[in-house]
Amino acid sequence: MENTDVYNTGYYKSLTRKVALIMILVSVTPLILISGTLRHYFIVSYQDKATDHLRALLKRHQQNIDTFLNQKLSNIKVLARSYSYEELTNETFLKERLLILQEEYGRSFVDLGVVDEHGLQVAYAGPFRLRRANYSKAEWFKQASQTDSYISDVFPGIRGLPHFIVASRQEYQGMMWILRATVDFEEFNALVENIRIGDTGFAFILNKKGEFQTKPRFEVLPSKGPYLEFLAGQQIPPDEVAFVERVNDAGVEILHMMAPLKNGEWILSYQQRSSDAYSVILQARQLAIFIFLFGVLGIVVVAIVLAKRMVKQISESDRQKEMMNEQVIEAGKLASLGELAAGIAHEINNPVAIMVEEAGWIEDLLNEEDLGESENLEEFNRALNQIRIQGRRCKEITHKLLSFARKTDPTIKNVQFNRLIEDVVALSEQRARFSGVKINMNLQKDLPMVNVSPSEMQQVLLNLVNNAVDAMDPKGGKIDISTKTEGGFVVVDVADNGSGIAKANLARIFDPFYTTKPVGKGTGLGLSICYGLIKKIGGEISVNSAKGLGATFHVHIPWTSEKNP
């Protein structure tokens, strides 16, 4: 038995784990697939949305910067064409023009100067001492001399401060001259420096040589990035923004965007850490992971709880099945015992009959012989009479036992129920007397006939009486059996003053294999069989009971129109 319990315990534990694992896999697998698919499409969609937003932002700043540069250049071109060389070389007049520009456009213009064809600045208006400055060898002068208008790169120049020049070339009496203006670098740099997104996003401008035209917010090495590809000749269409995502030397993934400025001579470059640009994705990923783990935890807990419940039900079913098998075996034993008892009753019936006949023969002999003077004659007659009485009683008992145990199909016929009760009481009286139980009958006279199988009704009544005897205290008790009519039913009440039935057990009292008796004393089939037999004939069986107050079983059986003969 111990090995069986260990086996069963291990088996059910293993079954619980398997059931829980299957439920977890079946539940979590679709969750993983759905979560993975949604995560992929969400990331792709959000990355496209984020890069499109950055492209639009960079394009807007590109337009703003180009507009700023073209506006300053246009201002100088208009000024150079609106006034003559003589007027602009007059420094007083030139200073007045500078004041007008500064009043109109703020401090964007730092100074103005007129440079002749030899690179000599012949007139100057501004805060520096640059009159008669020689720009003949300056790169901006060489480039400006070859085109009508020119915007230089940012350079320190003579003054030693970063600045850039906008210049307009004009001619006077066959002589070339240039009106130039210095644009305030800080104001220009602010246009780019204000392009800040997130914690790591910033922008800067490079020329074709890879030289900074603005101050980057963070340290940048133009030679270590995608800039060289574009600076080395790869052209970016004016209306497009190039996008590249690469891992730097530190292993950090960086998002780069570039747009052309100043007709492709400059590049407006924007860079940001991908983790910063896609921070919403990271937050959503963390939230999704938390929800996913919480969901998986919930699935695991529910799967384990359900698996335990299912396996518990399976265990209970197996236990009931095992009990059923044992009870079937026990029922087989009882059936065999019943057959044996019937055989013994039949065998006893024959010698009892002979014994009764012999007692009559002895009585006849005593009457024929002249024993009138015998002082034992009266005792002989008493003994013979007792033999006849007890013999007939034995015959009645064996006859009832044979009738109850006879294996025949139930025959439905009209029966007087009081007689069935009397027969069952006679059969159970000896056992009741042995247990100290008294059976009282209160049977209604002229009870209507009932159309039932006598053997089945005997089985029902015998079961109820035996259960009542078993429920008694060891000191004994009493059983009251009564009959009456109620509507269209004959009602039989079997009441005892035994231990009673707990309220929690009343709902299951008619369930198969349910018993409140100690192990080995009951099969749990008796009341279930009674319930089935009574229901089969259209009757009802119910019970009223309370713990310690005894129990009363009520049997309602439909009656026929015939009266008791």
Protein backbone atom coordinates (compact mmCIF):
# COMPACT_ATOMS: atom_id res chain seq x y z
CA MET A 1 0.00 0.00 0.00
CA GLU A 2 2.85 2.37 0.81
CA ASN A 3 4.49 1.79 -2.58
CA THR A 4 1.15 2.40 -4.30
CA ASP A 5 0.70 5.71 -2.45
CA VAL A 6 4.22 6.83 -3.37
CA TYR A 7 3.63 5.84 -6.98
CA ASN A 8 0.31 7.67 -7.11
CA THR A 9 1.80 10.76 -5.45
CA GLY A 10 4.67 10.86 -7.95
CA TYR A 11 2.32 10.15 -10.83
CA TYR A 12 -0.10 12.94 -9.97
CA LYS A 13 2.73 15.40 -9.33
CA SER A 14 4.21 14.54 -12.72
CA LEU A 15 0.77 14.83 -14.33
CA THR A 16 0.27 18.24 -12.69
CA ARG A 17 3.58 19.48 -14.08
CA LYS A 18 2.80 18.19 -17.57
CA VAL A 19 -0.71 19.67 -17.64
CA ALA A 20 0.56 23.01 -16.31
CA LEU A 21 3.42 23.04 -18.84
CA ILE A 22 1.07 22.29 -21.75
CA MET A 23 -1.36 25.03 -20.64
CA ILE A 24 1.53 27.50 -20.25
CA LEU A 25 2.97 26.65 -23.69
CA VAL A 26 -0.45 26.79 -25.39
CA SER A 27 -1.18 30.17 -23.76
CA VAL A 28 2.25 31.80 -23.94
CA THR A 29 3.19 30.77 -27.51
CA PRO A 30 0.44 32.84 -29.21
CA LEU A 31 1.21 35.68 -26.79
CA ILE A 32 4.87 35.63 -27.83
CA LEU A 33 4.02 35.50 -31.53
CA ILE A 34 1.46 38.30 -31.30
CA SER A 35 3.72 40.43 -29.08
CA GLY A 36 6.71 39.90 -31.37
CA THR A 37 4.70 40.76 -34.49
CA LEU A 38 3.16 43.88 -32.96
CA ARG A 39 6.53 44.93 -31.55
CA HIS A 40 8.17 44.60 -34.97
CA TYR A 41 5.51 46.62 -36.77
CA PHE A 42 5.40 49.20 -33.99
CA ILE A 43 9.19 49.69 -34.07
CA VAL A 44 9.28 49.93 -37.86
CA SER A 45 6.32 52.32 -37.91
CA TYR A 46 7.68 54.52 -35.14
CA GLN A 47 11.19 54.61 -36.60
CA ASP A 48 9.77 55.69 -39.96
CA LYS A 49 7.66 58.32 -38.22
CA ALA A 50 10.63 59.57 -36.15
CA THR A 51 13.00 59.77 -39.13
CA ASP A 52 10.33 61.51 -41.24
CA HIS A 53 9.86 64.04 -38.46
CA LEU A 54 13.62 64.65 -38.24
CA ARG A 55 13.86 64.97 -42.02
CA ALA A 56 11.09 67.56 -42.03
CA LEU A 57 12.72 69.42 -39.14
CA LEU A 58 16.15 69.44 -40.81
CA LYS A 59 14.65 70.51 -44.11
CA ARG A 60 12.92 73.43 -42.43
CA HIS A 61 16.18 74.54 -40.80
CA GLN A 62 17.97 74.06 -44.11
CA GLN A 63 15.51 76.44 -45.73
CA ASN A 64 15.86 78.93 -42.85
CA ILE A 65 19.68 78.95 -43.10
CA ASP A 66 19.69 79.24 -46.89
CA THR A 67 17.15 82.05 -46.60
CA PHE A 68 19.36 83.81 -44.04
CA LEU A 69 22.43 83.58 -46.28
CA ASN A 70 20.61 84.57 -49.47
CA GLN A 71 18.95 87.48 -47.67
CA LYS A 72 22.29 88.89 -46.50
CA LEU A 73 23.78 88.44 -49.94
CA SER A 74 20.76 90.13 -51.54
CA ASN A 75 21.06 93.07 -49.16
CA ILE A 76 24.69 93.66 -50.24
CA LYS A 77 23.88 93.19 -53.93
CA VAL A 78 21.05 95.75 -53.71
CA LEU A 79 23.31 98.16 -51.84
CA ALA A 80 26.14 97.77 -54.39
CA ARG A 81 23.79 98.35 -57.32
CA SER A 82 21.90 101.20 -55.73
CA TYR A 83 24.89 103.45 -55.15
CA SER A 84 27.92 104.46 -57.19
CA TYR A 85 31.50 103.64 -56.48
CA GLU A 86 32.19 107.30 -55.51
CA GLU A 87 29.33 107.28 -53.00
CA LEU A 88 30.30 104.01 -51.35
CA THR A 89 33.97 104.90 -51.10
CA ASN A 90 32.90 107.90 -49.02
CA GLU A 91 33.34 106.42 -45.53
CA THR A 92 30.78 108.78 -43.99
CA PHE A 93 28.21 107.64 -46.52
CA LEU A 94 29.29 104.02 -46.03
CA LYS A 95 28.86 104.30 -42.26
CA GLU A 96 25.38 105.70 -42.80
CA ARG A 97 24.53 102.68 -45.00
CA LEU A 98 25.87 100.31 -42.32
CA LEU A 99 23.72 101.98 -39.65
CA ILE A 100 20.67 101.63 -41.86
CA LEU A 101 21.39 97.92 -42.38
CA GLN A 102 21.90 97.36 -38.67
CA GLU A 103 18.72 99.22 -37.83
CA GLU A 104 16.81 97.13 -40.36
CA TYR A 105 18.36 93.73 -39.73
CA GLY A 106 19.79 94.01 -36.24
CA ARG A 107 23.46 93.27 -35.64
CA SER A 108 23.67 90.70 -38.47
CA PHE A 109 26.02 92.98 -40.40
CA VAL A 110 29.22 93.71 -38.49
CA ASP A 111 30.93 95.99 -41.01
CA LEU A 112 31.05 97.12 -44.66
CA GLY A 113 34.03 97.61 -46.94
CA VAL A 114 34.85 98.56 -50.52
CA VAL A 115 37.77 96.64 -52.05
CA ASP A 116 39.38 97.64 -55.35
CA GLU A 117 40.55 95.27 -58.05
CA HIS A 118 43.96 94.93 -56.40
CA GLY A 119 42.47 93.67 -53.14
CA LEU A 120 42.99 96.92 -51.26
CA GLN A 121 40.15 98.01 -49.01
CA VAL A 122 39.66 101.65 -50.00
CA ALA A 123 36.72 102.38 -47.69
CA TYR A 124 35.64 100.77 -44.43
CA ALA A 125 32.82 101.20 -41.91
CA GLY A 126 32.88 99.11 -38.80
CA PRO A 127 34.36 98.52 -35.35
CA PHE A 128 37.78 97.31 -36.56
CA ARG A 129 40.75 99.17 -38.02
CA LEU A 130 40.67 97.59 -41.42
CA ARG A 131 40.95 100.65 -43.74
CA ARG A 132 43.64 100.00 -46.34
CA ALA A 133 43.59 96.27 -45.46
CA ASN A 134 45.04 94.16 -48.24
CA TYR A 135 42.95 91.13 -49.27
CA SER A 136 44.75 90.34 -52.49
CA LYS A 137 45.92 87.00 -51.17
CA ALA A 138 42.69 86.11 -49.30
CA GLU A 139 40.79 83.13 -50.67
CA TRP A 140 37.47 84.90 -50.45
CA PHE A 141 38.79 87.82 -52.60
CA LYS A 142 40.02 85.44 -55.28
CA GLN A 143 36.66 83.65 -55.38
CA ALA A 144 34.61 86.86 -55.22
CA SER A 145 36.63 88.37 -58.11
CA GLN A 146 35.41 85.55 -60.39
CA THR A 147 31.66 85.73 -59.70
CA ASP A 148 28.97 88.35 -59.37
CA SER A 149 28.16 87.44 -55.77
CA TYR A 150 29.86 85.28 -53.24
CA ILE A 151 29.47 83.86 -49.73
CA SER A 152 32.73 82.76 -48.16
CA ASP A 153 33.45 79.96 -45.71
CA VAL A 154 33.89 80.81 -42.04
CA PHE A 155 37.49 81.84 -41.35
CA PRO A 156 39.37 83.89 -38.68
CA GLY A 157 41.02 86.30 -41.16
CA ILE A 158 42.97 89.39 -40.16
CA ARG A 159 40.80 90.10 -37.10
CA GLY A 160 41.43 86.58 -35.67
CA LEU A 161 37.70 85.92 -35.00
CA PRO A 162 35.50 83.45 -36.89
CA HIS A 163 33.37 85.21 -39.48
CA PHE A 164 32.36 84.94 -43.11
CA ILE A 165 32.01 87.40 -45.94
CA VAL A 166 29.18 88.16 -48.34
CA ALA A 167 30.38 90.09 -51.37
CA SER A 168 29.03 91.61 -54.57
CA ARG A 169 31.31 92.33 -57.54
CA GLN A 170 30.70 95.51 -59.56
CA GLU A 171 32.50 97.51 -62.31
CA TYR A 172 33.31 101.21 -62.47
CA GLN A 173 34.90 102.81 -65.55
CA GLY A 174 36.32 99.47 -66.64
CA MET A 175 37.60 98.77 -63.15
CA MET A 176 36.35 95.86 -60.95
CA TRP A 177 35.49 96.58 -57.35
CA ILE A 178 33.79 94.60 -54.57
CA LEU A 179 31.36 95.62 -51.83
CA ARG A 180 31.78 93.20 -48.97
CA ALA A 181 30.10 92.78 -45.56
CA THR A 182 30.94 90.70 -42.55
CA VAL A 183 28.03 88.71 -41.15
CA ASP A 184 27.90 88.23 -37.38
CA PHE A 185 29.06 84.67 -36.69
CA GLU A 186 27.26 84.30 -33.35
CA GLU A 187 23.89 85.09 -34.90
CA PHE A 188 24.56 82.66 -37.72
CA ASN A 189 25.83 80.00 -35.34
CA ALA A 190 22.70 80.37 -33.19
CA LEU A 191 20.57 79.34 -36.19
CA VAL A 192 22.29 75.95 -36.15
CA GLU A 193 22.98 75.63 -32.45
CA ASN A 194 19.25 75.90 -31.69
CA ILE A 195 18.61 72.67 -33.57
CA ARG A 196 18.47 70.49 -30.45
CA ILE A 197 16.27 67.43 -29.99
CA GLY A 198 16.34 65.19 -26.97
CA ASP A 199 19.47 64.92 -24.87
CA THR A 200 21.96 64.10 -27.63
CA GLY A 201 20.56 65.63 -30.82
CA PHE A 202 22.51 68.57 -32.29
CA ALA A 203 23.46 70.07 -35.67
CA PHE A 204 26.50 71.70 -37.27
CA ILE A 205 27.72 72.83 -40.69
CA LEU A 206 30.73 71.56 -42.60
CA ASN A 207 32.29 72.82 -45.82
CA LYS A 208 33.69 70.59 -48.57
CA LYS A 209 37.05 70.44 -46.83
CA GLY A 210 35.46 69.03 -43.70
CA GLU A 211 35.96 72.26 -41.77
CA PHE A 212 33.39 73.39 -39.24
CA GLN A 213 31.36 76.41 -40.23
CA THR A 214 29.56 76.46 -36.87
CA LYS A 215 30.46 75.32 -33.37
CA PRO A 216 29.17 71.79 -32.67
CA ARG A 217 27.46 71.21 -29.35
CA PHE A 218 29.49 68.06 -28.70
CA GLU A 219 32.87 66.94 -29.92
CA VAL A 220 32.71 65.64 -33.48
CA LEU A 221 35.43 64.23 -35.72
CA PRO A 222 34.40 64.88 -39.32
CA SER A 223 36.86 62.24 -40.46
CA LYS A 224 35.03 59.57 -38.36
CA GLY A 225 31.56 59.43 -39.75
CA PRO A 226 29.52 59.35 -42.94
CA TYR A 227 30.37 62.99 -43.74
CA LEU A 228 33.45 62.14 -45.83
CA GLU A 229 31.32 60.14 -48.28
CA PHE A 230 29.28 63.23 -49.05
CA LEU A 231 32.20 65.64 -48.85
CA ALA A 232 34.22 63.45 -51.23
CA GLY A 233 31.85 64.08 -54.09
CA GLN A 234 28.61 62.28 -53.28
CA GLN A 235 25.90 64.77 -54.09
CA ILE A 236 22.73 65.17 -52.07
CA PRO A 237 19.77 66.41 -54.13
CA PRO A 238 18.70 69.91 -52.99
CA ASP A 239 15.25 68.72 -51.92
CA GLU A 240 16.44 65.56 -50.19
CA VAL A 241 17.83 64.75 -46.75
CA ALA A 242 20.36 61.92 -46.55
CA PHE A 243 19.87 59.43 -43.71
CA VAL A 244 22.49 57.05 -42.29
CA GLU A 245 22.52 55.00 -39.08
CA ARG A 246 25.92 53.70 -37.96
CA VAL A 247 27.78 52.41 -34.92
CA ASN A 248 30.68 54.62 -33.78
CA ASP A 249 34.01 53.52 -32.34
CA ALA A 250 32.50 53.38 -28.84
CA GLY A 251 29.88 50.90 -30.02
CA VAL A 252 27.06 53.43 -29.81
CA GLU A 253 24.53 53.51 -32.62
CA ILE A 254 24.28 57.05 -34.06
CA LEU A 255 21.62 58.46 -36.36
CA HIS A 256 23.02 60.89 -38.99
CA MET A 257 21.07 63.22 -41.29
CA MET A 258 22.59 65.62 -43.85
CA ALA A 259 21.16 68.29 -46.09
CA PRO A 260 23.02 70.54 -48.64
CA LEU A 261 23.46 74.27 -48.03
CA LYS A 262 24.76 77.12 -50.19
CA ASN A 263 24.23 75.22 -53.46
CA GLY A 264 25.95 72.13 -52.12
CA GLU A 265 29.10 73.87 -50.88
CA TRP A 266 28.13 73.27 -47.25
CA ILE A 267 26.45 70.37 -45.48
CA LEU A 268 23.99 70.85 -42.65
CA SER A 269 24.59 67.75 -40.54
CA TYR A 270 22.42 66.49 -37.69
CA GLN A 271 23.28 63.60 -35.42
CA GLN A 272 21.67 61.93 -32.41
CA ARG A 273 22.01 58.71 -30.52
CA SER A 274 19.49 56.17 -31.81
CA SER A 275 18.51 55.29 -28.25
CA ASP A 276 17.66 58.96 -27.68
CA ALA A 277 15.86 59.41 -31.01
CA TYR A 278 13.81 56.24 -30.39
CA SER A 279 13.40 56.71 -26.64
CA VAL A 280 9.64 56.23 -26.92
CA ILE A 281 10.31 52.80 -28.41
CA LEU A 282 12.54 51.93 -25.48
CA GLN A 283 9.89 53.10 -23.02
CA ALA A 284 7.21 51.18 -24.90
CA ARG A 285 9.50 48.14 -24.98
CA GLN A 286 10.04 48.29 -21.22
CA LEU A 287 6.31 48.69 -20.65
CA ALA A 288 5.58 45.83 -23.08
CA ILE A 289 8.13 43.60 -21.36
CA PHE A 290 6.58 44.39 -17.98
CA ILE A 291 3.07 43.66 -19.29
CA PHE A 292 4.32 40.53 -21.04
CA LEU A 293 6.06 39.23 -17.92
CA PHE A 294 3.05 40.10 -15.79
CA GLY A 295 0.80 38.30 -18.29
CA VAL A 296 3.10 35.27 -18.37
CA LEU A 297 3.19 35.23 -14.57
CA GLY A 298 -0.62 35.34 -14.52
CA ILE A 299 -0.78 32.52 -17.07
CA VAL A 300 1.68 30.43 -15.05
CA VAL A 301 -0.25 30.97 -11.81
CA VAL A 302 -3.62 30.22 -13.43
CA ALA A 303 -2.16 27.20 -15.27
CA ILE A 304 -0.73 25.76 -12.05
CA VAL A 305 -3.96 26.37 -10.13
CA LEU A 306 -6.13 24.88 -12.90
CA ALA A 307 -3.71 21.97 -13.38
CA LYS A 308 -3.84 21.19 -9.67
CA ARG A 309 -7.64 21.34 -9.70
CA MET A 310 -7.89 19.15 -12.80
CA VAL A 311 -5.44 16.61 -11.46
CA LYS A 312 -7.23 16.68 -8.11
CA GLN A 313 -10.47 15.85 -9.92
CA ILE A 314 -8.69 13.13 -11.87
CA SER A 315 -7.23 11.80 -8.62
CA GLU A 316 -10.66 11.87 -7.01
CA SER A 317 -12.15 10.13 -10.06
CA ASP A 318 -9.43 7.48 -9.94
CA ARG A 319 -10.01 7.04 -6.22
CA GLN A 320 -13.75 6.66 -6.79
CA LYS A 321 -13.05 4.27 -9.63
CA GLU A 322 -10.83 2.22 -7.35
CA MET A 323 -13.51 2.29 -4.68
CA MET A 324 -16.07 1.31 -7.30
CA ASN A 325 -13.94 -1.62 -8.36
CA GLU A 326 -13.59 -2.70 -4.75
CA GLN A 327 -17.32 -2.27 -4.21
CA VAL A 328 -18.11 -4.21 -7.38
CA ILE A 329 -15.91 -7.01 -6.03
CA GLU A 330 -17.67 -6.68 -2.67
CA ALA A 331 -21.05 -6.69 -4.41
CA GLY A 332 -19.99 -9.84 -6.23
CA LYS A 333 -19.07 -11.39 -2.93
CA LEU A 334 -22.45 -10.35 -1.51
CA ALA A 335 -24.21 -11.79 -4.55
CA SER A 336 -22.32 -15.03 -4.11
CA LEU A 337 -23.14 -14.96 -0.43
CA GLY A 338 -26.78 -14.36 -1.31
CA GLU A 339 -26.80 -17.36 -3.62
CA LEU A 340 -25.13 -19.41 -0.91
CA ALA A 341 -27.65 -18.21 1.65
CA ALA A 342 -30.51 -19.06 -0.69
CA GLY A 343 -29.07 -22.52 -1.19
CA ILE A 344 -28.62 -23.03 2.52
CA ALA A 345 -32.16 -21.78 3.16
CA HIS A 346 -33.47 -24.28 0.59
CA GLU A 347 -31.48 -27.10 2.16
CA ILE A 348 -32.62 -26.15 5.66
CA ASN A 349 -36.24 -26.02 4.51
CA ASN A 350 -36.31 -29.76 3.71
CA PRO A 351 -35.07 -31.06 7.10
CA VAL A 352 -37.29 -28.56 8.90
CA ALA A 353 -40.28 -29.92 7.00
CA ILE A 354 -39.28 -33.48 7.90
CA MET A 355 -38.77 -32.40 11.51
CA VAL A 356 -42.32 -30.95 11.65
CA GLU A 357 -43.79 -34.09 10.08
CA GLU A 358 -41.90 -36.30 12.52
CA ALA A 359 -43.17 -34.20 15.42
CA GLY A 360 -46.75 -34.83 14.20
CA TRP A 361 -46.03 -38.55 13.87
CA ILE A 362 -44.71 -38.72 17.42
CA GLU A 363 -47.84 -36.91 18.64
CA ASP A 364 -50.00 -39.50 16.86
CA LEU A 365 -48.01 -42.31 18.50
CA LEU A 366 -48.44 -40.76 21.91
CA ASN A 367 -52.19 -40.61 21.37
CA GLU A 368 -52.32 -44.29 20.34
CA GLU A 369 -50.22 -45.55 23.23
CA ASP A 370 -51.69 -45.80 26.67
CA LEU A 371 -49.54 -43.17 28.32
CA GLY A 372 -52.30 -41.43 30.16
CA GLU A 373 -50.81 -42.43 33.44
CA SER A 374 -47.38 -41.04 32.49
CA GLU A 375 -46.50 -38.03 34.51
CA ASN A 376 -44.41 -36.69 31.53
CA LEU A 377 -47.24 -36.75 28.99
CA GLU A 378 -47.99 -33.07 29.36
CA GLU A 379 -44.33 -32.21 28.92
CA PHE A 380 -44.19 -34.40 25.79
CA ASN A 381 -47.19 -32.59 24.27
CA ARG A 382 -45.69 -29.16 25.11
CA ALA A 383 -42.34 -30.07 23.50
CA LEU A 384 -44.01 -31.45 20.37
CA ASN A 385 -46.17 -28.34 20.06
CA GLN A 386 -43.09 -26.12 20.41
CA ILE A 387 -41.30 -28.16 17.73
CA ARG A 388 -44.23 -27.63 15.33
CA ILE A 389 -44.41 -23.89 16.09
CA GLN A 390 -40.67 -23.26 15.72
CA GLY A 391 -40.52 -25.48 12.65
CA ARG A 392 -43.26 -23.48 10.96
CA ARG A 393 -41.43 -20.30 11.98
CA CYS A 394 -38.19 -21.59 10.43
CA LYS A 395 -40.11 -22.45 7.30
CA GLU A 396 -41.59 -18.95 7.08
CA ILE A 397 -38.12 -17.38 7.57
CA THR A 398 -36.51 -19.56 4.89
CA HIS A 399 -39.46 -18.92 2.59
CA LYS A 400 -39.06 -15.13 2.93
CA LEU A 401 -35.29 -15.38 2.50
CA LEU A 402 -35.75 -17.42 -0.68
CA SER A 403 -38.35 -14.99 -1.94
CA PHE A 404 -36.02 -12.00 -1.37
CA ALA A 405 -32.92 -13.68 -2.86
CA ARG A 406 -34.69 -15.29 -5.84
CA LYS A 407 -33.15 -14.14 -9.17
CA THR A 408 -36.19 -13.32 -11.28
CA ASP A 409 -37.13 -10.35 -13.40
CA PRO A 410 -39.14 -7.83 -11.37
CA THR A 411 -42.80 -8.54 -11.90
CA ILE A 412 -45.12 -5.52 -11.62
CA LYS A 413 -48.42 -6.27 -9.91
CA ASN A 414 -50.90 -4.79 -7.47
CA VAL A 415 -49.54 -5.13 -3.95
CA GLN A 416 -50.85 -4.26 -0.50
CA PHE A 417 -47.93 -2.28 0.90
CA ASN A 418 -48.70 -3.05 4.54
CA ARG A 419 -48.04 -6.75 3.90
CA LEU A 420 -44.67 -5.95 2.31
CA ILE A 421 -43.75 -3.93 5.38
CA GLU A 422 -44.79 -6.75 7.73
CA ASP A 423 -42.69 -9.26 5.77
CA VAL A 424 -39.62 -7.01 5.83
CA VAL A 425 -40.03 -6.31 9.56
CA ALA A 426 -40.30 -10.05 10.25
CA LEU A 427 -37.08 -10.59 8.25
CA SER A 428 -35.24 -7.79 10.09
CA GLU A 429 -36.70 -8.31 13.54
CA GLN A 430 -34.03 -10.73 14.78
CA ARG A 431 -31.16 -8.38 13.77
CA ALA A 432 -32.96 -5.40 15.32
CA ARG A 433 -33.56 -7.28 18.56
CA PHE A 434 -29.87 -8.28 18.68
CA SER A 435 -28.91 -4.57 18.33
CA GLY A 436 -31.34 -3.49 21.03
CA VAL A 437 -33.62 -1.76 18.53
CA LYS A 438 -37.40 -1.90 18.76
CA ILE A 439 -39.45 -1.64 15.57
CA ASN A 440 -42.89 -0.06 15.87
CA MET A 441 -45.46 -0.16 13.06
CA ASN A 442 -48.32 2.29 12.65
CA LEU A 443 -49.98 1.16 9.42
CA GLN A 444 -53.11 2.78 8.00
CA LYS A 445 -55.89 0.28 7.38
CA ASP A 446 -57.59 -0.02 3.97
CA LEU A 447 -54.47 1.30 2.28
CA PRO A 448 -54.89 1.53 -1.53
CA MET A 449 -53.10 -1.01 -3.71
CA VAL A 450 -49.83 0.00 -5.38
CA ASN A 451 -48.63 -1.32 -8.73
CA VAL A 452 -44.98 -2.26 -8.03
CA SER A 453 -42.48 -5.10 -8.06
CA PRO A 454 -42.72 -6.76 -4.62
CA SER A 455 -39.07 -7.85 -4.62
CA GLU A 456 -37.85 -4.33 -5.47
CA MET A 457 -40.03 -2.74 -2.81
CA GLN A 458 -38.81 -5.32 -0.30
CA GLN A 459 -35.25 -4.29 -1.23
CA VAL A 460 -36.08 -0.61 -0.69
CA LEU A 461 -37.74 -1.17 2.68
CA LEU A 462 -35.09 -3.61 3.89
CA ASN A 463 -32.36 -1.11 3.00
CA LEU A 464 -34.09 1.71 4.88
CA VAL A 465 -34.64 -0.48 7.97
CA ASN A 466 -31.05 -1.78 7.93
CA ASN A 467 -29.70 1.78 7.58
CA ALA A 468 -31.84 2.84 10.53
CA VAL A 469 -30.50 -0.04 12.64
CA ASP A 470 -26.90 0.87 11.67
CA ALA A 471 -27.50 4.51 12.68
CA MET A 472 -28.48 3.58 16.24
CA ASP A 473 -26.44 4.17 19.35
CA PRO A 474 -24.80 0.96 20.71
CA LYS A 475 -27.29 1.16 23.59
CA GLY A 476 -30.17 0.69 21.11
CA GLY A 477 -33.11 2.77 20.00
CA LYS A 478 -36.38 2.57 18.13
CA ILE A 479 -37.64 2.64 14.56
CA ASP A 480 -41.12 3.88 13.69
CA ILE A 481 -42.64 2.72 10.39
CA SER A 482 -45.92 4.32 9.36
CA THR A 483 -48.09 4.42 6.26
CA LYS A 484 -50.72 6.84 5.07
CA THR A 485 -52.25 8.28 1.91
CA GLU A 486 -51.46 11.74 0.66
CA GLY A 487 -53.04 12.87 -2.58
CA GLY A 488 -52.40 10.19 -5.18
CA PHE A 489 -49.58 8.59 -3.21
CA VAL A 490 -49.10 5.98 -0.52
CA VAL A 491 -46.59 7.47 1.88
CA VAL A 492 -44.25 5.28 3.91
CA ASP A 493 -42.21 6.98 6.65
CA VAL A 494 -39.23 5.19 8.22
CA ALA A 495 -38.04 7.20 11.25
CA ASP A 496 -35.26 6.46 13.73
CA ASN A 497 -33.82 8.20 16.75
CA GLY A 498 -30.21 7.47 15.81
CA SER A 499 -27.22 9.76 15.22
CA GLY A 500 -28.83 11.61 12.29
CA ILE A 501 -27.21 13.01 9.13
CA ALA A 502 -25.17 16.20 9.01
CA LYS A 503 -26.64 19.01 6.92
CA ALA A 504 -23.54 19.08 4.68
CA ASN A 505 -24.11 15.42 3.75
CA LEU A 506 -27.86 15.60 2.96
CA ALA A 507 -27.30 16.88 -0.59
CA ARG A 508 -25.17 13.81 -1.45
CA ILE A 509 -26.98 11.13 0.50
CA PHE A 510 -28.47 9.56 -2.66
CA ASP A 511 -25.24 9.79 -4.72
CA PRO A 512 -23.71 6.46 -5.80
CA PHE A 513 -20.86 5.23 -3.61
CA TYR A 514 -21.38 7.98 -1.07
CA THR A 515 -21.58 6.68 2.46
CA THR A 516 -21.17 8.08 5.96
CA LYS A 517 -20.56 4.64 7.44
CA PRO A 518 -17.09 3.55 8.55
CA VAL A 519 -14.81 1.92 5.99
CA GLY A 520 -15.83 -1.67 5.34
CA LYS A 521 -19.40 -1.27 6.66
CA GLY A 522 -21.09 0.33 3.65
CA THR A 523 -20.80 0.39 -0.13
CA GLY A 524 -22.63 3.66 -0.70
CA LEU A 525 -24.99 1.95 -3.17
CA GLY A 526 -28.03 1.18 -1.00
CA LEU A 527 -29.76 4.57 -0.99
CA SER A 528 -28.71 5.20 -4.59
CA ILE A 529 -30.43 1.97 -5.63
CA CYS A 530 -33.49 2.87 -3.57
CA TYR A 531 -33.63 6.28 -5.23
CA GLY A 532 -33.47 4.69 -8.68
CA LEU A 533 -36.14 2.08 -7.93
CA ILE A 534 -38.58 4.63 -6.50
CA LYS A 535 -37.98 7.08 -9.38
CA LYS A 536 -38.58 4.27 -11.87
CA ILE A 537 -42.16 3.78 -10.70
CA GLY A 538 -42.84 7.55 -10.64
CA GLY A 539 -42.44 7.96 -6.91
CA GLU A 540 -40.37 10.21 -4.67
CA ILE A 541 -37.95 9.57 -1.83
CA SER A 542 -36.66 12.28 0.51
CA VAL A 543 -35.10 12.63 3.93
CA ASN A 544 -35.38 14.99 6.90
CA SER A 545 -32.55 14.88 9.38
CA ALA A 546 -30.25 16.80 11.65
CA LYS A 547 -27.09 15.74 13.43
CA GLY A 548 -27.97 13.96 16.68
CA LEU A 549 -31.75 14.12 16.08
CA GLY A 550 -32.30 10.99 14.01
CA ALA A 551 -33.55 10.74 10.42
CA THR A 552 -36.89 10.22 8.70
CA PHE A 553 -37.11 8.86 5.14
CA HIS A 554 -40.31 9.60 3.22
CA VAL A 555 -41.25 7.29 0.33
CA HIS A 556 -44.13 8.40 -1.95
CA ILE A 557 -45.55 5.65 -4.20
CA PRO A 558 -48.40 6.22 -6.68
CA TRP A 559 -51.44 4.08 -5.81
CA THR A 560 -53.96 2.38 -8.10
CA SER A 561 -57.73 2.65 -7.95
CA GLU A 562 -58.08 -0.81 -6.38
CA LYS A 563 -58.71 -1.04 -2.64
CA ASN A 564 -57.26 -3.47 -0.18
CA PRO A 565 -59.17 -6.77 -0.50
